[in-house]
Amino acid sequence: MLNITDMKKEQKKPPIFRLAFRPFFLFGSLFSVLALLLWAVFLNDPTLTWQPYGGWLWWHGHEMLFGFSIAIIVGFILTAVQNWSGLPGLSGWPLAGLFSFWLVGRLLMLFPIVPGEIIAIIDTLFLPLSAVILARPIVAAKLWRNLIFIPLFLLLAWTNGHSHYRLIGGDVLSLPDTQTTILIVTLIIVIMGGRVIPFFTANATQTQKPQPVLILELLSIAPLGLAVLFTLVTGSLNAEPILGILFLLSAFTNALRMGRWQGIITLGNPLLWSLHLAYLLIIISLGLLGAYHFGLTIPLSAALHGLTIGGIGLMVLAMISRVSLGHTGRMLQVGIWITLGYGALAISAIVRVVAPLISNHPSSLYMISIACWVFAYLGYIVIYWPVLTQPRVDGRPG
């Protein structure tokens, strides 16, 4: 319980910097809309003279991961660790400082006015700083179960730094690092999803939460973790049967895992079915990756975009639309725009995956996919702007 002095300190903090989810959810979402609109401009006119850091192809892949996805994950976990540990979360000027590292990185990549080495250092520092901040309450409260996020953050920092290194060395795509980063982010979502989706479902539907089956939990996470290590070490983009086995095993075990979460009873609650739908799209995309690595005619980029749009994009929107309400003292209810946004992201993923399979000139289909994403996240920005920039409605800190 905060005393009066604590409350006075809390009230002096700008609401946007009272917990990590506020700035990172809002501006991460805003950045994703801006980044995809710029990407659409480039797709329509590849002869653009203005180039961001790394060129448009490198910038798009890097920034949708490290500009958008990682910002949301950091905001989510640095907020969640307060609940896990019972210790005060990052807020105030320290939070503003961490957010500034992220923001400066985005601006310098968009407007590269300093040498690339400086941009790389500033951008790469964000995740190690986040890992140090996260480690303190985890170690203080002896939350060893949650220590797994520290090496995952550092692995992401490595792939980020390595992608800059390859770029400076002349690799304008750095696709191996992009692939590995997508898989690490997916692994984080699989770990977190297995914890929170059945919990949220049981609470909202007043049903009993299924008890985790240890062997199934291990088999849902370990194959994907091994796939991450394989791609990290080899950097291979070729079809690899060992990866095919790992991805198909991961898809199968996660389907069994998800089947225990009673998703059918969530159909009347958008805040719940969106989580289950996002997890289902992860499973399908892992299956597509497995099919690619066994030589089926599925482009690697299509399967990876299934993960980034359907898995990461939809799961992020489902989580942040829920967390933003819960952590600001509001009812867990969403309106029609957000509900349609969930569906729009699923459509975005499907269109992007099938586009190269059904058309030799899929640019117009890519535009549809981008438009669906922009519609979904623009809804979040408009509706949640006052939620994230104003104090909690119940007067509590956070």
Foldseek 3Di string as FASTA:
>chain_A
DDDPVRLVVLVVFFLQFQALQQPLVQVLLVVLLVLLVVLLVCLVPVVDPQAFALGSQQCSLVCLQLLRLVSNVLRVLQRVLCVVQVDRGGGGPVSVVLVVLSVVLVVCRNPVPDDLVVSLVSSLVNLLVSLVRNVVSCVVRVVVVPNVVSVLSVVLSVLSSVSSVVSVVPDSNSVLSSVLSLLSSLLVCQVVLLVPLLVVLCVVVVHDRDDDDVVLSCQLRVLSVVLSVVSVVPVDPAQAQSLLVSLLSNLVSLVVSLVRSPLVVCVVALLRVLSSQLSNLSSVLSNLSSCVSVPDPFDPVLSSLSSSQSNSVSNSLSVSLQVLQVVLVHDRHDDDQLSVLSVLSVVLSVLSRCQVVPDPDSSVSNVSSSVSSSSNSVVCNVVCVCSSRDHRPVSDGD
